[in-house]
Amino acid sequence: MDAVFFDFDGTLCDTRADILATYQETFARLGIVYDQQAFRIGPPLADCVREVLPDAPDTLIAEIARVFQNIYDDSGFPQTVPYAGVVPLLNQLREDGATLFIATNKRLCPMRKIMEKFDMLNAFREFYTIDTPLPAGEKGKAGMLRTALARHGFPPDRCVMIGDTVGDIRAGAAAGMKTLAVSWGYETLPQLEAEHPDFIAIHPSDIPAILTGQKK
């Protein structure tokens, strides 16, 4: 593969506990009653909030996002950790000469802080986040991937998108890339299998062999 693109939340790091704790504090500060079990991890923040509060006006969504971001960015991410095997995986891929990227619906600021905390930053050539400016007509994770492919001249079928959600698999496919679903994240294996990814990894240690064609 010429380039390997990773999702972040649910793929490289387990961020669920800190994200849900931040939602809880945000809604408590704003006096909003909500169903915490209804939150999903993975889509952009505003989309997640709209799923829980479908009738909320845009002004309230914006205020929730502002408070959430202030709390989350300064939290220190006490419960967030890389999934077991992820750091060795990144080291192995770098040793194998792979060029690694991030494509995530997370904002750059908290993602960088988490990656610095676990000394993961230097593994990646470039980061595409929800706040990365994209060319006109491009949006979402598929837009991030197409932008990166065009910028670096990578053939899409020589690149892979690795993620834990249906959205990741669909974005990779929309960009013409190979797709690799991971089973340890925030969506179930049947949900992922229904999207017909090119590959499925049960553990991070599976990924190097998959990418070199030694394992299906």
N, C-alpha and C. Protein backbone atom coordinates (compact mmCIF):
# COMPACT_ATOMS: atom_id res chain seq x y z
N MET A 1 0.84 -1.19 0.00
CA MET A 1 0.00 0.00 0.00
C MET A 1 0.88 1.26 0.00
N ASP A 2 0.50 2.25 -0.80
CA ASP A 2 1.27 3.49 -0.84
C ASP A 2 1.00 4.36 0.38
N ALA A 3 -0.21 4.32 0.92
CA ALA A 3 -0.55 5.13 2.08
C ALA A 3 -1.63 4.43 2.89
N VAL A 4 -1.51 4.59 4.21
CA VAL A 4 -2.45 3.98 5.15
C VAL A 4 -3.10 5.09 5.95
N PHE A 5 -4.43 5.17 5.88
CA PHE A 5 -5.19 6.20 6.59
C PHE A 5 -5.92 5.56 7.76
N PHE A 6 -5.78 6.15 8.94
CA PHE A 6 -6.44 5.66 10.14
C PHE A 6 -7.49 6.65 10.62
N ASP A 7 -8.64 6.14 11.01
CA ASP A 7 -9.55 6.87 11.88
C ASP A 7 -8.88 6.97 13.25
N PHE A 8 -9.44 7.81 14.14
CA PHE A 8 -8.83 7.97 15.46
C PHE A 8 -9.67 7.36 16.57
N ASP A 9 -10.82 7.98 16.89
CA ASP A 9 -11.67 7.47 17.97
C ASP A 9 -12.19 6.08 17.61
N GLY A 10 -11.96 5.12 18.50
CA GLY A 10 -12.47 3.78 18.27
C GLY A 10 -11.59 2.92 17.39
N THR A 11 -10.55 3.51 16.81
CA THR A 11 -9.63 2.77 15.95
C THR A 11 -8.23 2.75 16.56
N LEU A 12 -7.69 3.94 16.84
CA LEU A 12 -6.38 4.02 17.49
C LEU A 12 -6.51 4.13 19.00
N CYS A 13 -7.45 4.94 19.46
CA CYS A 13 -7.60 5.18 20.89
C CYS A 13 -9.04 4.97 21.34
N ASP A 14 -9.18 4.45 22.56
CA ASP A 14 -10.48 4.32 23.19
C ASP A 14 -10.76 5.61 23.95
N THR A 15 -11.57 6.46 23.35
CA THR A 15 -11.86 7.79 23.89
C THR A 15 -13.26 7.90 24.49
N ARG A 16 -14.02 6.81 24.45
CA ARG A 16 -15.43 6.85 24.80
C ARG A 16 -15.69 7.45 26.18
N ALA A 17 -14.98 6.98 27.22
CA ALA A 17 -15.29 7.40 28.58
C ALA A 17 -15.12 8.90 28.76
N ASP A 18 -14.05 9.46 28.21
CA ASP A 18 -13.82 10.90 28.36
C ASP A 18 -14.82 11.72 27.55
N ILE A 19 -15.18 11.23 26.36
CA ILE A 19 -16.17 11.95 25.55
C ILE A 19 -17.53 11.96 26.25
N LEU A 20 -17.96 10.80 26.76
CA LEU A 20 -19.26 10.74 27.43
C LEU A 20 -19.26 11.56 28.72
N ALA A 21 -18.15 11.55 29.44
CA ALA A 21 -18.07 12.37 30.66
C ALA A 21 -18.16 13.85 30.32
N THR A 22 -17.58 14.24 29.20
CA THR A 22 -17.65 15.65 28.79
C THR A 22 -19.05 16.03 28.35
N TYR A 23 -19.73 15.15 27.63
CA TYR A 23 -21.13 15.41 27.31
C TYR A 23 -21.95 15.58 28.58
N GLN A 24 -21.73 14.70 29.54
CA GLN A 24 -22.50 14.76 30.79
C GLN A 24 -22.29 16.10 31.49
N GLU A 25 -21.04 16.55 31.58
CA GLU A 25 -20.77 17.83 32.24
C GLU A 25 -21.33 18.99 31.43
N THR A 26 -21.21 18.91 30.11
CA THR A 26 -21.73 19.98 29.25
C THR A 26 -23.23 20.14 29.42
N PHE A 27 -23.97 19.05 29.37
CA PHE A 27 -25.42 19.13 29.48
C PHE A 27 -25.85 19.54 30.88
N ALA A 28 -25.08 19.12 31.88
CA ALA A 28 -25.40 19.53 33.25
C ALA A 28 -25.22 21.04 33.39
N ARG A 29 -24.16 21.59 32.86
CA ARG A 29 -23.93 23.04 32.94
C ARG A 29 -25.03 23.83 32.26
N LEU A 30 -25.54 23.27 31.15
CA LEU A 30 -26.57 23.98 30.39
C LEU A 30 -27.98 23.63 30.83
N GLY A 31 -28.10 22.73 31.81
CA GLY A 31 -29.42 22.36 32.34
C GLY A 31 -30.28 21.59 31.37
N ILE A 32 -29.65 20.75 30.54
CA ILE A 32 -30.36 19.99 29.52
C ILE A 32 -30.50 18.54 29.97
N VAL A 33 -31.71 18.01 29.90
CA VAL A 33 -31.96 16.60 30.20
C VAL A 33 -31.85 15.81 28.90
N TYR A 34 -31.13 14.71 28.93
CA TYR A 34 -30.91 13.94 27.71
C TYR A 34 -30.65 12.48 28.06
N ASP A 35 -30.68 11.64 27.04
CA ASP A 35 -30.42 10.22 27.20
C ASP A 35 -28.98 9.93 26.82
N GLN A 36 -28.13 9.75 27.82
CA GLN A 36 -26.72 9.54 27.54
C GLN A 36 -26.47 8.28 26.73
N GLN A 37 -27.31 7.28 26.87
CA GLN A 37 -27.12 6.03 26.13
C GLN A 37 -27.33 6.21 24.64
N ALA A 38 -27.96 7.32 24.25
CA ALA A 38 -28.25 7.53 22.83
C ALA A 38 -27.06 8.09 22.07
N PHE A 39 -26.03 8.55 22.77
CA PHE A 39 -24.89 9.15 22.09
C PHE A 39 -24.08 8.10 21.34
N ARG A 40 -23.64 8.48 20.14
CA ARG A 40 -22.71 7.66 19.38
C ARG A 40 -21.35 8.35 19.35
N ILE A 41 -20.29 7.57 19.27
CA ILE A 41 -18.95 8.10 19.13
C ILE A 41 -18.52 7.85 17.69
N GLY A 42 -18.06 8.88 17.03
CA GLY A 42 -17.58 8.71 15.66
C GLY A 42 -18.01 9.83 14.73
N PRO A 43 -19.34 10.10 14.62
CA PRO A 43 -19.77 11.20 13.77
C PRO A 43 -19.32 12.55 14.32
N PRO A 44 -19.37 13.61 13.52
CA PRO A 44 -19.04 14.94 14.02
C PRO A 44 -19.90 15.30 15.23
N LEU A 45 -19.36 16.13 16.11
CA LEU A 45 -20.02 16.47 17.37
C LEU A 45 -21.45 16.98 17.14
N ALA A 46 -21.62 17.91 16.21
CA ALA A 46 -22.95 18.47 15.99
C ALA A 46 -23.95 17.40 15.55
N ASP A 47 -23.51 16.46 14.74
CA ASP A 47 -24.39 15.38 14.29
C ASP A 47 -24.79 14.49 15.47
N CYS A 48 -23.82 14.22 16.36
CA CYS A 48 -24.12 13.39 17.54
C CYS A 48 -25.17 14.07 18.41
N VAL A 49 -25.03 15.37 18.62
CA VAL A 49 -25.98 16.10 19.46
C VAL A 49 -27.35 16.13 18.82
N ARG A 50 -27.41 16.31 17.51
CA ARG A 50 -28.71 16.36 16.83
C ARG A 50 -29.44 15.03 16.91
N GLU A 51 -28.70 13.93 16.97
CA GLU A 51 -29.35 12.63 17.12
C GLU A 51 -30.04 12.52 18.47
N VAL A 52 -29.46 13.15 19.49
CA VAL A 52 -30.01 13.09 20.84
C VAL A 52 -31.07 14.17 21.05
N LEU A 53 -30.88 15.33 20.43
CA LEU A 53 -31.81 16.47 20.56
C LEU A 53 -32.25 16.90 19.17
N PRO A 54 -33.10 16.12 18.52
CA PRO A 54 -33.44 16.40 17.12
C PRO A 54 -34.15 17.73 16.90
N ASP A 55 -34.80 18.27 17.94
CA ASP A 55 -35.54 19.53 17.78
C ASP A 55 -34.74 20.74 18.24
N ALA A 56 -33.49 20.55 18.62
CA ALA A 56 -32.68 21.67 19.13
C ALA A 56 -32.37 22.66 18.02
N PRO A 57 -32.50 23.95 18.28
CA PRO A 57 -32.13 24.95 17.26
C PRO A 57 -30.62 25.00 17.07
N ASP A 58 -30.20 25.55 15.95
CA ASP A 58 -28.77 25.63 15.64
C ASP A 58 -28.01 26.41 16.70
N THR A 59 -28.65 27.42 17.29
CA THR A 59 -27.96 28.21 18.31
C THR A 59 -27.62 27.36 19.53
N LEU A 60 -28.52 26.47 19.91
CA LEU A 60 -28.25 25.60 21.06
C LEU A 60 -27.17 24.57 20.70
N ILE A 61 -27.23 24.03 19.50
CA ILE A 61 -26.20 23.08 19.07
C ILE A 61 -24.84 23.75 19.14
N ALA A 62 -24.76 24.99 18.69
CA ALA A 62 -23.48 25.72 18.70
C ALA A 62 -23.00 25.96 20.13
N GLU A 63 -23.92 26.27 21.03
CA GLU A 63 -23.53 26.50 22.43
C GLU A 63 -23.06 25.21 23.09
N ILE A 64 -23.75 24.12 22.80
CA ILE A 64 -23.31 22.82 23.33
C ILE A 64 -21.92 22.50 22.82
N ALA A 65 -21.68 22.72 21.54
CA ALA A 65 -20.36 22.44 20.97
C ALA A 65 -19.28 23.31 21.62
N ARG A 66 -19.59 24.59 21.85
CA ARG A 66 -18.60 25.49 22.46
C ARG A 66 -18.24 25.04 23.87
N VAL A 67 -19.25 24.72 24.68
CA VAL A 67 -18.98 24.30 26.06
C VAL A 67 -18.26 22.96 26.07
N PHE A 68 -18.71 22.04 25.23
CA PHE A 68 -18.06 20.73 25.14
C PHE A 68 -16.58 20.89 24.82
N GLN A 69 -16.28 21.67 23.81
CA GLN A 69 -14.89 21.82 23.37
C GLN A 69 -14.02 22.41 24.47
N ASN A 70 -14.53 23.40 25.18
CA ASN A 70 -13.75 24.01 26.26
C ASN A 70 -13.45 23.00 27.37
N ILE A 71 -14.45 22.21 27.73
CA ILE A 71 -14.25 21.21 28.80
C ILE A 71 -13.32 20.11 28.33
N TYR A 72 -13.58 19.58 27.15
CA TYR A 72 -12.84 18.42 26.65
C TYR A 72 -11.37 18.74 26.41
N ASP A 73 -11.10 19.89 25.79
CA ASP A 73 -9.73 20.23 25.43
C ASP A 73 -8.84 20.40 26.65
N ASP A 74 -9.43 20.81 27.78
CA ASP A 74 -8.66 21.04 29.00
C ASP A 74 -8.76 19.90 30.01
N SER A 75 -9.34 18.78 29.61
CA SER A 75 -9.62 17.69 30.55
C SER A 75 -8.40 16.86 30.91
N GLY A 76 -7.41 16.86 30.06
CA GLY A 76 -6.27 15.97 30.26
C GLY A 76 -6.53 14.54 29.81
N PHE A 77 -7.77 14.23 29.41
CA PHE A 77 -8.15 12.92 28.86
C PHE A 77 -7.72 11.78 29.78
N PRO A 78 -8.19 11.80 31.04
CA PRO A 78 -7.67 10.85 32.02
C PRO A 78 -8.02 9.39 31.75
N GLN A 79 -9.13 9.14 31.02
CA GLN A 79 -9.55 7.77 30.79
C GLN A 79 -9.26 7.27 29.37
N THR A 80 -8.67 8.12 28.55
CA THR A 80 -8.36 7.75 27.17
C THR A 80 -7.05 6.99 27.09
N VAL A 81 -7.04 5.90 26.32
CA VAL A 81 -5.82 5.11 26.13
C VAL A 81 -5.78 4.57 24.70
N PRO A 82 -4.60 4.35 24.15
CA PRO A 82 -4.51 3.61 22.89
C PRO A 82 -4.99 2.18 23.11
N TYR A 83 -5.63 1.60 22.12
CA TYR A 83 -6.01 0.20 22.23
C TYR A 83 -4.75 -0.66 22.32
N ALA A 84 -4.85 -1.75 23.05
CA ALA A 84 -3.72 -2.67 23.20
C ALA A 84 -3.23 -3.12 21.82
N GLY A 85 -1.98 -2.96 21.57
CA GLY A 85 -1.39 -3.36 20.30
C GLY A 85 -1.27 -2.26 19.28
N VAL A 86 -1.87 -1.10 19.52
CA VAL A 86 -1.85 -0.02 18.52
C VAL A 86 -0.46 0.60 18.40
N VAL A 87 0.18 0.92 19.50
CA VAL A 87 1.50 1.54 19.41
C VAL A 87 2.51 0.61 18.74
N PRO A 88 2.57 -0.68 19.12
CA PRO A 88 3.44 -1.60 18.35
C PRO A 88 3.07 -1.68 16.87
N LEU A 89 1.78 -1.61 16.56
CA LEU A 89 1.35 -1.63 15.16
C LEU A 89 1.93 -0.45 14.39
N LEU A 90 1.80 0.74 14.95
CA LEU A 90 2.32 1.93 14.27
C LEU A 90 3.83 1.83 14.08
N ASN A 91 4.51 1.35 15.10
CA ASN A 91 5.96 1.18 14.98
C ASN A 91 6.32 0.18 13.89
N GLN A 92 5.56 -0.92 13.81
CA GLN A 92 5.82 -1.94 12.80
C GLN A 92 5.59 -1.38 11.39
N LEU A 93 4.48 -0.66 11.22
CA LEU A 93 4.19 -0.11 9.90
C LEU A 93 5.26 0.88 9.46
N ARG A 94 5.73 1.69 10.39
CA ARG A 94 6.80 2.64 10.05
C ARG A 94 8.08 1.90 9.67
N GLU A 95 8.39 0.84 10.41
CA GLU A 95 9.58 0.05 10.07
C GLU A 95 9.44 -0.59 8.70
N ASP A 96 8.21 -0.92 8.33
CA ASP A 96 7.95 -1.52 7.01
C ASP A 96 7.93 -0.49 5.89
N GLY A 97 8.07 0.79 6.24
CA GLY A 97 8.12 1.85 5.24
C GLY A 97 6.78 2.42 4.84
N ALA A 98 5.73 2.13 5.60
CA ALA A 98 4.40 2.65 5.26
C ALA A 98 4.30 4.14 5.56
N THR A 99 3.55 4.85 4.74
CA THR A 99 3.26 6.26 4.98
C THR A 99 1.89 6.36 5.62
N LEU A 100 1.83 6.92 6.83
CA LEU A 100 0.62 6.89 7.64
C LEU A 100 -0.02 8.27 7.73
N PHE A 101 -1.36 8.28 7.68
CA PHE A 101 -2.16 9.49 7.79
C PHE A 101 -3.29 9.26 8.79
N ILE A 102 -3.84 10.35 9.28
CA ILE A 102 -5.07 10.32 10.08
C ILE A 102 -6.18 10.98 9.27
N ALA A 103 -7.38 10.38 9.30
CA ALA A 103 -8.59 11.00 8.76
C ALA A 103 -9.69 10.80 9.79
N THR A 104 -10.09 11.87 10.45
CA THR A 104 -10.97 11.74 11.61
C THR A 104 -11.98 12.88 11.69
N ASN A 105 -13.12 12.57 12.29
CA ASN A 105 -14.12 13.60 12.58
C ASN A 105 -13.81 14.35 13.87
N LYS A 106 -12.69 14.05 14.51
CA LYS A 106 -12.26 14.76 15.70
C LYS A 106 -11.57 16.06 15.29
N ARG A 107 -11.62 17.05 16.18
CA ARG A 107 -10.87 18.28 15.93
C ARG A 107 -9.37 18.06 16.16
N LEU A 108 -8.56 18.89 15.51
CA LEU A 108 -7.12 18.72 15.59
C LEU A 108 -6.58 18.94 17.00
N CYS A 109 -7.07 19.96 17.71
CA CYS A 109 -6.51 20.31 19.02
C CYS A 109 -6.54 19.14 20.01
N PRO A 110 -7.71 18.56 20.32
CA PRO A 110 -7.69 17.46 21.28
C PRO A 110 -6.97 16.22 20.76
N MET A 111 -7.07 15.98 19.46
CA MET A 111 -6.39 14.81 18.92
C MET A 111 -4.88 14.92 19.09
N ARG A 112 -4.33 16.09 18.79
CA ARG A 112 -2.88 16.29 18.97
C ARG A 112 -2.49 16.12 20.43
N LYS A 113 -3.28 16.65 21.34
CA LYS A 113 -2.96 16.52 22.76
C LYS A 113 -2.91 15.06 23.19
N ILE A 114 -3.89 14.29 22.72
CA ILE A 114 -3.91 12.86 23.07
C ILE A 114 -2.71 12.15 22.46
N MET A 115 -2.41 12.44 21.21
CA MET A 115 -1.30 11.78 20.55
C MET A 115 0.04 12.16 21.17
N GLU A 116 0.17 13.41 21.59
CA GLU A 116 1.39 13.82 22.29
C GLU A 116 1.51 13.09 23.62
N LYS A 117 0.39 12.91 24.30
CA LYS A 117 0.39 12.22 25.60
C LYS A 117 0.95 10.81 25.47
N PHE A 118 0.67 10.16 24.35
CA PHE A 118 1.10 8.78 24.16
C PHE A 118 2.22 8.64 23.12
N ASP A 119 2.86 9.75 22.79
CA ASP A 119 4.02 9.75 21.89
C ASP A 119 3.70 9.07 20.56
N MET A 120 2.58 9.44 19.97
CA MET A 120 2.15 8.84 18.71
C MET A 120 2.27 9.79 17.51
N LEU A 121 2.56 11.06 17.75
CA LEU A 121 2.50 12.05 16.68
C LEU A 121 3.44 11.74 15.53
N ASN A 122 4.67 11.37 15.86
CA ASN A 122 5.69 11.23 14.82
C ASN A 122 5.46 10.06 13.88
N ALA A 123 4.49 9.21 14.21
CA ALA A 123 4.20 8.08 13.33
C ALA A 123 3.51 8.52 12.03
N PHE A 124 2.94 9.73 12.03
CA PHE A 124 2.06 10.14 10.94
C PHE A 124 2.65 11.27 10.11
N ARG A 125 2.42 11.18 8.82
CA ARG A 125 2.89 12.23 7.91
C ARG A 125 2.00 13.45 7.95
N GLU A 126 0.69 13.23 8.07
CA GLU A 126 -0.24 14.35 7.98
C GLU A 126 -1.56 13.98 8.64
N PHE A 127 -2.29 15.01 9.10
CA PHE A 127 -3.56 14.81 9.78
C PHE A 127 -4.67 15.53 9.03
N TYR A 128 -5.77 14.81 8.80
CA TYR A 128 -6.98 15.40 8.24
C TYR A 128 -8.07 15.26 9.29
N THR A 129 -8.55 16.39 9.79
CA THR A 129 -9.50 16.42 10.90
C THR A 129 -10.76 17.17 10.47
N ILE A 130 -11.75 17.20 11.36
CA ILE A 130 -13.01 17.84 11.04
C ILE A 130 -12.84 19.34 10.78
N ASP A 131 -11.76 19.93 11.31
CA ASP A 131 -11.53 21.36 11.09
C ASP A 131 -10.42 21.64 10.07
N THR A 132 -10.02 20.63 9.30
CA THR A 132 -9.08 20.84 8.20
C THR A 132 -9.81 21.50 7.02
N PRO A 133 -9.32 22.63 6.51
CA PRO A 133 -9.95 23.23 5.34
C PRO A 133 -9.84 22.30 4.13
N LEU A 134 -10.96 22.13 3.43
CA LEU A 134 -10.98 21.28 2.25
C LEU A 134 -11.30 22.11 1.01
N PRO A 135 -10.92 21.63 -0.16
CA PRO A 135 -11.25 22.36 -1.39
C PRO A 135 -12.76 22.47 -1.58
N ALA A 136 -13.16 23.44 -2.38
CA ALA A 136 -14.57 23.63 -2.68
C ALA A 136 -15.17 22.36 -3.24
N GLY A 137 -16.34 22.00 -2.73
CA GLY A 137 -17.04 20.80 -3.20
C GLY A 137 -16.71 19.55 -2.42
N GLU A 138 -15.70 19.61 -1.56
CA GLU A 138 -15.35 18.45 -0.76
C GLU A 138 -15.81 18.65 0.68
N LYS A 139 -16.32 17.59 1.29
CA LYS A 139 -16.74 17.67 2.68
C LYS A 139 -16.70 16.27 3.29
N GLY A 140 -16.71 16.24 4.61
CA GLY A 140 -16.75 14.98 5.32
C GLY A 140 -15.46 14.18 5.17
N LYS A 141 -15.50 12.96 5.68
CA LYS A 141 -14.29 12.12 5.68
C LYS A 141 -13.91 11.70 4.27
N ALA A 142 -14.89 11.44 3.41
CA ALA A 142 -14.55 11.12 2.02
C ALA A 142 -13.83 12.28 1.35
N GLY A 143 -14.25 13.50 1.68
CA GLY A 143 -13.57 14.68 1.16
C GLY A 143 -12.15 14.80 1.66
N MET A 144 -11.94 14.46 2.93
CA MET A 144 -10.57 14.45 3.48
C MET A 144 -9.69 13.49 2.69
N LEU A 145 -10.22 12.29 2.45
CA LEU A 145 -9.44 11.26 1.77
C LEU A 145 -9.14 11.66 0.33
N ARG A 146 -10.13 12.16 -0.38
CA ARG A 146 -9.89 12.58 -1.77
C ARG A 146 -8.89 13.72 -1.83
N THR A 147 -8.98 14.63 -0.87
CA THR A 147 -8.03 15.76 -0.83
C THR A 147 -6.61 15.26 -0.61
N ALA A 148 -6.44 14.33 0.32
CA ALA A 148 -5.10 13.80 0.58
C ALA A 148 -4.56 13.04 -0.63
N LEU A 149 -5.40 12.24 -1.25
CA LEU A 149 -4.96 11.49 -2.43
C LEU A 149 -4.50 12.43 -3.54
N ALA A 150 -5.29 13.48 -3.78
CA ALA A 150 -4.93 14.43 -4.84
C ALA A 150 -3.66 15.20 -4.48
N ARG A 151 -3.54 15.58 -3.22
CA ARG A 151 -2.39 16.39 -2.79
C ARG A 151 -1.08 15.62 -2.94
N HIS A 152 -1.12 14.33 -2.65
CA HIS A 152 0.12 13.54 -2.66
C HIS A 152 0.27 12.66 -3.89
N GLY A 153 -0.74 12.63 -4.75
CA GLY A 153 -0.64 11.86 -5.98
C GLY A 153 -0.70 10.36 -5.79
N PHE A 154 -1.37 9.92 -4.72
CA PHE A 154 -1.48 8.48 -4.48
C PHE A 154 -2.59 7.87 -5.34
N PRO A 155 -2.36 6.74 -5.97
CA PRO A 155 -3.45 6.02 -6.64
C PRO A 155 -4.42 5.50 -5.56
N PRO A 156 -5.71 5.76 -5.67
CA PRO A 156 -6.64 5.34 -4.61
C PRO A 156 -6.60 3.86 -4.30
N ASP A 157 -6.47 3.02 -5.35
CA ASP A 157 -6.50 1.58 -5.11
C ASP A 157 -5.22 1.05 -4.49
N ARG A 158 -4.24 1.94 -4.29
CA ARG A 158 -3.01 1.57 -3.60
C ARG A 158 -2.97 2.13 -2.17
N CYS A 159 -4.14 2.56 -1.69
CA CYS A 159 -4.25 3.15 -0.36
C CYS A 159 -5.39 2.46 0.39
N VAL A 160 -5.36 2.54 1.70
CA VAL A 160 -6.38 1.88 2.51
C VAL A 160 -6.86 2.82 3.61
N MET A 161 -8.16 2.78 3.86
CA MET A 161 -8.78 3.49 4.98
C MET A 161 -9.11 2.46 6.05
N ILE A 162 -8.59 2.69 7.28
CA ILE A 162 -8.80 1.77 8.39
C ILE A 162 -9.67 2.46 9.43
N GLY A 163 -10.80 1.83 9.79
CA GLY A 163 -11.68 2.45 10.76
C GLY A 163 -12.63 1.47 11.41
N ASP A 164 -13.35 1.99 12.41
CA ASP A 164 -14.23 1.14 13.23
C ASP A 164 -15.70 1.38 12.98
N THR A 165 -16.05 2.28 12.05
CA THR A 165 -17.45 2.60 11.84
C THR A 165 -17.86 2.41 10.39
N VAL A 166 -19.16 2.30 10.21
CA VAL A 166 -19.74 2.25 8.87
C VAL A 166 -19.30 3.48 8.07
N GLY A 167 -19.30 4.64 8.73
CA GLY A 167 -18.89 5.87 8.05
C GLY A 167 -17.48 5.81 7.51
N ASP A 168 -16.58 5.17 8.26
CA ASP A 168 -15.20 5.03 7.79
C ASP A 168 -15.13 4.19 6.53
N ILE A 169 -15.85 3.08 6.54
CA ILE A 169 -15.82 2.18 5.39
C ILE A 169 -16.45 2.84 4.17
N ARG A 170 -17.55 3.52 4.37
CA ARG A 170 -18.20 4.21 3.26
C ARG A 170 -17.32 5.32 2.70
N ALA A 171 -16.64 6.05 3.58
CA ALA A 171 -15.78 7.14 3.12
C ALA A 171 -14.62 6.59 2.29
N GLY A 172 -13.99 5.53 2.77
CA GLY A 172 -12.90 4.94 2.01
C GLY A 172 -13.36 4.45 0.64
N ALA A 173 -14.51 3.79 0.61
CA ALA A 173 -15.04 3.29 -0.66
C ALA A 173 -15.38 4.44 -1.60
N ALA A 174 -15.94 5.52 -1.05
CA ALA A 174 -16.30 6.68 -1.88
C ALA A 174 -15.07 7.34 -2.49
N ALA A 175 -13.94 7.21 -1.80
CA ALA A 175 -12.70 7.79 -2.32
C ALA A 175 -11.96 6.82 -3.24
N GLY A 176 -12.52 5.62 -3.46
CA GLY A 176 -11.92 4.65 -4.33
C GLY A 176 -10.81 3.83 -3.70
N MET A 177 -10.72 3.88 -2.36
CA MET A 177 -9.65 3.22 -1.64
C MET A 177 -10.06 1.82 -1.19
N LYS A 178 -9.07 1.01 -0.82
CA LYS A 178 -9.35 -0.21 -0.10
C LYS A 178 -9.84 0.15 1.30
N THR A 179 -10.61 -0.73 1.91
CA THR A 179 -11.14 -0.45 3.24
C THR A 179 -10.85 -1.61 4.18
N LEU A 180 -10.50 -1.27 5.42
CA LEU A 180 -10.19 -2.27 6.43
C LEU A 180 -10.97 -1.92 7.69
N ALA A 181 -11.88 -2.78 8.08
CA ALA A 181 -12.69 -2.56 9.29
C ALA A 181 -12.02 -3.22 10.48
N VAL A 182 -12.02 -2.52 11.61
CA VAL A 182 -11.47 -3.09 12.84
C VAL A 182 -12.62 -3.45 13.78
N SER A 183 -12.46 -4.55 14.49
CA SER A 183 -13.57 -5.10 15.27
C SER A 183 -13.63 -4.58 16.70
N TRP A 184 -12.63 -3.80 17.13
CA TRP A 184 -12.54 -3.43 18.55
C TRP A 184 -13.12 -2.06 18.87
N GLY A 185 -13.74 -1.41 17.91
CA GLY A 185 -14.20 -0.04 18.12
C GLY A 185 -15.65 0.07 18.55
N TYR A 186 -16.36 1.08 18.02
CA TYR A 186 -17.65 1.50 18.55
C TYR A 186 -18.85 1.00 17.75
N GLU A 187 -18.62 0.26 16.68
CA GLU A 187 -19.73 -0.36 15.97
C GLU A 187 -19.47 -1.86 15.89
N THR A 188 -20.53 -2.62 15.72
CA THR A 188 -20.42 -4.08 15.81
C THR A 188 -19.87 -4.68 14.53
N LEU A 189 -19.33 -5.87 14.65
CA LEU A 189 -18.80 -6.56 13.48
C LEU A 189 -19.89 -6.81 12.42
N PRO A 190 -21.13 -7.22 12.79
CA PRO A 190 -22.17 -7.36 11.76
C PRO A 190 -22.46 -6.04 11.02
N GLN A 191 -22.45 -4.92 11.75
CA GLN A 191 -22.66 -3.64 11.08
C GLN A 191 -21.56 -3.38 10.05
N LEU A 192 -20.34 -3.67 10.42
CA LEU A 192 -19.21 -3.43 9.53
C LEU A 192 -19.22 -4.41 8.36
N GLU A 193 -19.52 -5.67 8.63
CA GLU A 193 -19.54 -6.68 7.56
C GLU A 193 -20.58 -6.35 6.51
N ALA A 194 -21.67 -5.71 6.93
CA ALA A 194 -22.74 -5.35 5.98
C ALA A 194 -22.26 -4.34 4.94
N GLU A 195 -21.16 -3.63 5.24
CA GLU A 195 -20.61 -2.65 4.29
C GLU A 195 -19.59 -3.28 3.34
N HIS A 196 -19.31 -4.57 3.51
CA HIS A 196 -18.41 -5.31 2.64
C HIS A 196 -17.02 -4.66 2.53
N PRO A 197 -16.36 -4.43 3.67
CA PRO A 197 -14.99 -3.91 3.60
C PRO A 197 -14.08 -4.92 2.92
N ASP A 198 -12.98 -4.44 2.37
CA ASP A 198 -12.04 -5.34 1.72
C ASP A 198 -11.37 -6.28 2.71
N PHE A 199 -11.15 -5.78 3.93
CA PHE A 199 -10.47 -6.57 4.96
C PHE A 199 -11.11 -6.30 6.31
N ILE A 200 -10.92 -7.25 7.23
CA ILE A 200 -11.36 -7.08 8.61
C ILE A 200 -10.22 -7.51 9.52
N ALA A 201 -9.91 -6.68 10.52
CA ALA A 201 -8.89 -7.02 11.51
C ALA A 201 -9.56 -7.25 12.86
N ILE A 202 -9.21 -8.34 13.49
CA ILE A 202 -9.75 -8.65 14.82
C ILE A 202 -8.85 -8.07 15.90
N HIS A 203 -7.58 -7.88 15.61
CA HIS A 203 -6.61 -7.32 16.55
C HIS A 203 -5.63 -6.45 15.76
N PRO A 204 -5.08 -5.40 16.37
CA PRO A 204 -4.12 -4.57 15.63
C PRO A 204 -2.96 -5.36 15.03
N SER A 205 -2.56 -6.43 15.68
CA SER A 205 -1.44 -7.21 15.16
C SER A 205 -1.76 -7.91 13.83
N ASP A 206 -3.05 -7.98 13.46
CA ASP A 206 -3.44 -8.57 12.18
C ASP A 206 -3.09 -7.66 11.00
N ILE A 207 -3.00 -6.37 11.24
CA ILE A 207 -3.00 -5.39 10.14
C ILE A 207 -1.74 -5.46 9.26
N PRO A 208 -0.53 -5.57 9.80
CA PRO A 208 0.63 -5.63 8.88
C PRO A 208 0.54 -6.75 7.87
N ALA A 209 0.14 -7.94 8.32
CA ALA A 209 0.04 -9.06 7.38
C ALA A 209 -1.07 -8.84 6.37
N ILE A 210 -2.17 -8.23 6.78
CA ILE A 210 -3.25 -7.92 5.84
C ILE A 210 -2.74 -6.98 4.75
N LEU A 211 -2.01 -5.95 5.14
CA LEU A 211 -1.58 -4.93 4.20
C LEU A 211 -0.51 -5.45 3.25
N THR A 212 0.23 -6.47 3.63
CA THR A 212 1.24 -7.05 2.75
C THR A 212 0.72 -8.26 1.98
N GLY A 213 -0.58 -8.55 2.12
CA GLY A 213 -1.20 -9.64 1.37
C GLY A 213 -0.93 -11.00 1.94
N GLN A 214 -0.39 -11.06 3.16
CA GLN A 214 -0.10 -12.35 3.75
C GLN A 214 -1.28 -12.90 4.54
N LYS A 215 -2.30 -12.07 4.72
CA LYS A 215 -3.47 -12.49 5.49
C LYS A 215 -4.69 -11.80 4.94
N LYS A 216 -5.78 -12.53 4.80
CA LYS A 216 -7.03 -11.96 4.31
C LYS A 216 -7.85 -11.40 5.47
